[in-house]
């Protein structure tokens, strides 16, 4: 696993908006929520396999254009929300550096096949015994 490099500041787009939720009168005046955007598809700082893994993830924060949008409004201060958004971005990008273990295809053993077929036969005879036969 390669260590994820720091994402250059120029590739991040931050927008500050008003947060929803509690905060009293202050919530209507101060833009404390952060909307952080990172263009994964067009980022030159990400290696190609990492970019492909990140874009392949089915995450609702990813747009069709390959832009990751993180909304942070957990905290009441703009600075803390900024840190929170960047931490979440770092976690998301770090997940792309984890190479999934390749699945090794296996086949069932002869014994397990025989047990399965034997159980099916038993079940079949039980059900056949329940059938109402009218020979007349």
C-alpha atoms as a PDB file:
ATOM      1  CA  UNK A   1       0.000   0.000   0.000  1.00  0.00           C
ATOM      2  CA  UNK A   2       1.338   3.400  -0.980  1.00  0.00           C
ATOM      3  CA  UNK A   3       1.032   6.270   1.462  1.00  0.00           C
ATOM      4  CA  UNK A   4      -1.448   8.849   0.174  1.00  0.00           C
ATOM      5  CA  UNK A   5       0.256  12.138  -0.668  1.00  0.00           C
ATOM      6  CA  UNK A   6      -1.090  15.470   0.504  1.00  0.00           C
ATOM      7  CA  UNK A   7      -3.632  16.911  -1.903  1.00  0.00           C
ATOM      8  CA  UNK A   8      -2.474  20.290  -3.243  1.00  0.00           C
ATOM      9  CA  UNK A   9      -4.487  23.280  -2.040  1.00  0.00           C
ATOM     10  CA  UNK A  10      -5.129  24.401  -5.662  1.00  0.00           C
ATOM     11  CA  UNK A  11      -7.190  21.263  -6.344  1.00  0.00           C
ATOM     12  CA  UNK A  12      -9.669  21.960  -3.536  1.00  0.00           C
ATOM     13  CA  UNK A  13     -12.614  24.309  -3.917  1.00  0.00           C
ATOM     14  CA  UNK A  14     -14.215  25.539  -0.690  1.00  0.00           C
ATOM     15  CA  UNK A  15     -17.516  27.335  -0.412  1.00  0.00           C
ATOM     16  CA  UNK A  16     -18.955  28.613   2.836  1.00  0.00           C
ATOM     17  CA  UNK A  17     -22.722  28.471   3.235  1.00  0.00           C
ATOM     18  CA  UNK A  18     -25.204  28.891   6.046  1.00  0.00           C
ATOM     19  CA  UNK A  19     -25.665  25.766   8.100  1.00  0.00           C
ATOM     20  CA  UNK A  20     -29.016  24.284   9.004  1.00  0.00           C
ATOM     21  CA  UNK A  21     -29.970  23.168  12.477  1.00  0.00           C
ATOM     22  CA  UNK A  22     -29.503  24.756  15.904  1.00  0.00           C
ATOM     23  CA  UNK A  23     -27.436  27.885  16.464  1.00  0.00           C
ATOM     24  CA  UNK A  24     -29.886  30.572  17.517  1.00  0.00           C
ATOM     25  CA  UNK A  25     -29.896  33.902  15.708  1.00  0.00           C
ATOM     26  CA  UNK A  26     -26.301  33.344  14.665  1.00  0.00           C
ATOM     27  CA  UNK A  27     -27.281  30.539  12.261  1.00  0.00           C
ATOM     28  CA  UNK A  28     -29.076  33.042   9.996  1.00  0.00           C
ATOM     29  CA  UNK A  29     -26.139  35.451   9.808  1.00  0.00           C
ATOM     30  CA  UNK A  30     -22.905  33.462   9.652  1.00  0.00           C
ATOM     31  CA  UNK A  31     -21.834  31.052   6.888  1.00  0.00           C
ATOM     32  CA  UNK A  32     -20.234  28.327   9.010  1.00  0.00           C
ATOM     33  CA  UNK A  33     -20.974  25.251   6.902  1.00  0.00           C
ATOM     34  CA  UNK A  34     -18.316  24.189   4.397  1.00  0.00           C
ATOM     35  CA  UNK A  35     -18.862  22.642   0.988  1.00  0.00           C
ATOM     36  CA  UNK A  36     -15.558  21.107  -0.113  1.00  0.00           C
ATOM     37  CA  UNK A  37     -15.178  19.984  -3.735  1.00  0.00           C
ATOM     38  CA  UNK A  38     -12.388  17.808  -5.102  1.00  0.00           C
ATOM     39  CA  UNK A  39     -12.246  16.817  -8.767  1.00  0.00           C
ATOM     40  CA  UNK A  40     -11.126  13.193  -8.592  1.00  0.00           C
ATOM     41  CA  UNK A  41     -11.462  12.592 -12.333  1.00  0.00           C
ATOM     42  CA  UNK A  42      -9.273  15.559 -13.253  1.00  0.00           C
ATOM     43  CA  UNK A  43      -6.767  15.459 -10.391  1.00  0.00           C
ATOM     44  CA  UNK A  44      -3.135  15.187 -11.544  1.00  0.00           C
ATOM     45  CA  UNK A  45      -1.966  14.320  -8.012  1.00  0.00           C
ATOM     46  CA  UNK A  46      -3.771  10.950  -7.884  1.00  0.00           C
ATOM     47  CA  UNK A  47      -2.238   7.851  -9.498  1.00  0.00           C
ATOM     48  CA  UNK A  48      -4.434   6.258 -12.178  1.00  0.00           C
ATOM     49  CA  UNK A  49      -5.300   3.030 -10.260  1.00  0.00           C
ATOM     50  CA  UNK A  50      -6.316   5.041  -7.172  1.00  0.00           C
ATOM     51  CA  UNK A  51      -8.453   7.387  -9.292  1.00  0.00           C
ATOM     52  CA  UNK A  52     -10.178   4.397 -10.886  1.00  0.00           C
ATOM     53  CA  UNK A  53     -10.896   2.790  -7.492  1.00  0.00           C
ATOM     54  CA  UNK A  54     -12.308   6.040  -6.071  1.00  0.00           C
ATOM     55  CA  UNK A  55     -14.513   6.679  -9.102  1.00  0.00           C
ATOM     56  CA  UNK A  56     -15.751   3.077  -9.035  1.00  0.00           C
ATOM     57  CA  UNK A  57     -17.076   3.496  -5.489  1.00  0.00           C
ATOM     58  CA  UNK A  58     -20.810   3.966  -5.335  1.00  0.00           C
ATOM     59  CA  UNK A  59     -20.863   6.984  -3.062  1.00  0.00           C
ATOM     60  CA  UNK A  60     -23.672   9.522  -3.146  1.00  0.00           C
ATOM     61  CA  UNK A  61     -21.147  12.340  -2.608  1.00  0.00           C
ATOM     62  CA  UNK A  62     -19.617  11.660  -6.046  1.00  0.00           C
ATOM     63  CA  UNK A  63     -21.142  13.524  -8.990  1.00  0.00           C
ATOM     64  CA  UNK A  64     -21.423  12.079 -12.495  1.00  0.00           C
ATOM     65  CA  UNK A  65     -18.500  14.303 -13.518  1.00  0.00           C
ATOM     66  CA  UNK A  66     -16.243  12.652 -10.926  1.00  0.00           C
ATOM     67  CA  UNK A  67     -16.274  15.489  -8.398  1.00  0.00           C
ATOM     68  CA  UNK A  68     -16.415  14.606  -4.701  1.00  0.00           C
ATOM     69  CA  UNK A  69     -18.619  17.035  -2.735  1.00  0.00           C
ATOM     70  CA  UNK A  70     -18.290  16.998   1.055  1.00  0.00           C
ATOM     71  CA  UNK A  71     -20.687  19.066   3.174  1.00  0.00           C
ATOM     72  CA  UNK A  72     -19.470  19.748   6.707  1.00  0.00           C
ATOM     73  CA  UNK A  73     -21.773  21.511   9.161  1.00  0.00           C
ATOM     74  CA  UNK A  74     -21.338  19.460  12.311  1.00  0.00           C
ATOM     75  CA  UNK A  75     -19.656  22.239  14.264  1.00  0.00           C
ATOM     76  CA  UNK A  76     -20.554  25.860  14.986  1.00  0.00           C
ATOM     77  CA  UNK A  77     -17.317  27.398  13.753  1.00  0.00           C
ATOM     78  CA  UNK A  78     -16.201  27.711  10.180  1.00  0.00           C
ATOM     79  CA  UNK A  79     -12.644  26.648  10.997  1.00  0.00           C
ATOM     80  CA  UNK A  80     -13.711  23.428  12.730  1.00  0.00           C
ATOM     81  CA  UNK A  81     -16.038  22.561   9.844  1.00  0.00           C
ATOM     82  CA  UNK A  82     -13.151  23.158   7.423  1.00  0.00           C
ATOM     83  CA  UNK A  83     -10.958  20.733   9.372  1.00  0.00           C
ATOM     84  CA  UNK A  84     -13.782  18.205   9.496  1.00  0.00           C
ATOM     85  CA  UNK A  85     -14.320  18.382   5.716  1.00  0.00           C
ATOM     86  CA  UNK A  86     -10.602  17.950   5.031  1.00  0.00           C
ATOM     87  CA  UNK A  87     -10.361  14.994   7.413  1.00  0.00           C
ATOM     88  CA  UNK A  88     -13.284  13.312   5.645  1.00  0.00           C
ATOM     89  CA  UNK A  89     -11.660  13.986   2.267  1.00  0.00           C
ATOM     90  CA  UNK A  90      -8.384  12.460   3.510  1.00  0.00           C
ATOM     91  CA  UNK A  91     -10.242   9.371   4.749  1.00  0.00           C
ATOM     92  CA  UNK A  92     -12.035   8.978   1.406  1.00  0.00           C
ATOM     93  CA  UNK A  93      -8.832   9.331  -0.630  1.00  0.00           C
ATOM     94  CA  UNK A  94      -6.900   7.010   1.712  1.00  0.00           C
ATOM     95  CA  UNK A  95      -9.533   4.330   1.061  1.00  0.00           C
ATOM     96  CA  UNK A  96      -8.606   4.470  -2.627  1.00  0.00           C
ATOM     97  CA  UNK A  97      -5.022   3.523  -1.806  1.00  0.00           C
ATOM     98  CA  UNK A  98      -6.146   0.240  -0.236  1.00  0.00           C
ATOM     99  CA  UNK A  99      -5.882  -2.442  -2.901  1.00  0.00           C
ATOM    100  CA  UNK A 100      -8.723  -4.960  -2.503  1.00  0.00           C
ATOM    101  CA  UNK A 101      -7.616  -8.553  -2.056  1.00  0.00           C
ATOM    102  CA  UNK A 102      -8.204 -10.579  -5.209  1.00  0.00           C
ATOM    103  CA  UNK A 103     -10.904 -13.192  -4.800  1.00  0.00           C
ATOM    104  CA  UNK A 104      -9.667 -16.724  -5.367  1.00  0.00           C
ATOM    105  CA  UNK A 105     -12.341 -18.854  -7.000  1.00  0.00           C
ATOM    106  CA  UNK A 106     -12.839 -22.156  -5.182  1.00  0.00           C
ATOM    107  CA  UNK A 107     -14.859 -25.231  -5.982  1.00  0.00           C
ATOM    108  CA  UNK A 108     -17.012 -27.217  -3.566  1.00  0.00           C
ATOM    109  CA  UNK A 109     -15.509 -30.493  -2.359  1.00  0.00           C
ATOM    110  CA  UNK A 110     -16.959 -33.834  -3.427  1.00  0.00           C
ATOM    111  CA  UNK A 111     -18.141 -34.485   0.122  1.00  0.00           C
ATOM    112  CA  UNK A 112     -20.021 -31.178   0.327  1.00  0.00           C
ATOM    113  CA  UNK A 113     -21.712 -31.891  -3.033  1.00  0.00           C
ATOM    114  CA  UNK A 114     -22.772 -35.346  -1.833  1.00  0.00           C
ATOM    115  CA  UNK A 115     -24.124 -33.952   1.453  1.00  0.00           C
ATOM    116  CA  UNK A 116     -26.112 -31.296  -0.408  1.00  0.00           C
ATOM    117  CA  UNK A 117     -27.595 -33.798  -2.882  1.00  0.00           C
ATOM    118  CA  UNK A 118     -28.330 -36.280  -0.074  1.00  0.00           C
ATOM    119  CA  UNK A 119     -30.222 -33.580   1.855  1.00  0.00           C
ATOM    120  CA  UNK A 120     -32.201 -32.734  -1.289  1.00  0.00           C
ATOM    121  CA  UNK A 121     -33.106 -36.400  -1.762  1.00  0.00           C
ATOM    122  CA  UNK A 122     -34.248 -36.704   1.874  1.00  0.00           C
ATOM    123  CA  UNK A 123     -36.374 -33.586   1.586  1.00  0.00           C
ATOM    124  CA  UNK A 124     -37.859 -34.887  -1.661  1.00  0.00           C
ATOM    125  CA  UNK A 125     -38.904 -38.205  -0.083  1.00  0.00           C
ATOM    126  CA  UNK A 126     -40.443 -36.377   2.901  1.00  0.00           C
ATOM    127  CA  UNK A 127     -42.514 -34.208   0.573  1.00  0.00           C
ATOM    128  CA  UNK A 128     -43.435 -37.154  -1.654  1.00  0.00           C
ATOM    129  CA  UNK A 129     -44.713 -38.949   1.453  1.00  0.00           C
ATOM    130  CA  UNK A 130     -47.033 -36.050   2.237  1.00  0.00           C
ATOM    131  CA  UNK A 131     -48.743 -36.138  -1.152  1.00  0.00           C
ATOM    132  CA  UNK A 132     -52.341 -37.330  -1.136  1.00  0.00           C
ATOM    133  CA  UNK A 133     -52.679 -40.142  -3.630  1.00  0.00           C
ATOM    134  CA  UNK A 134     -56.095 -41.010  -4.918  1.00  0.00           C
ATOM    135  CA  UNK A 135     -55.803 -44.378  -6.724  1.00  0.00           C
ATOM    136  CA  UNK A 136     -59.489 -44.751  -7.510  1.00  0.00           C
END
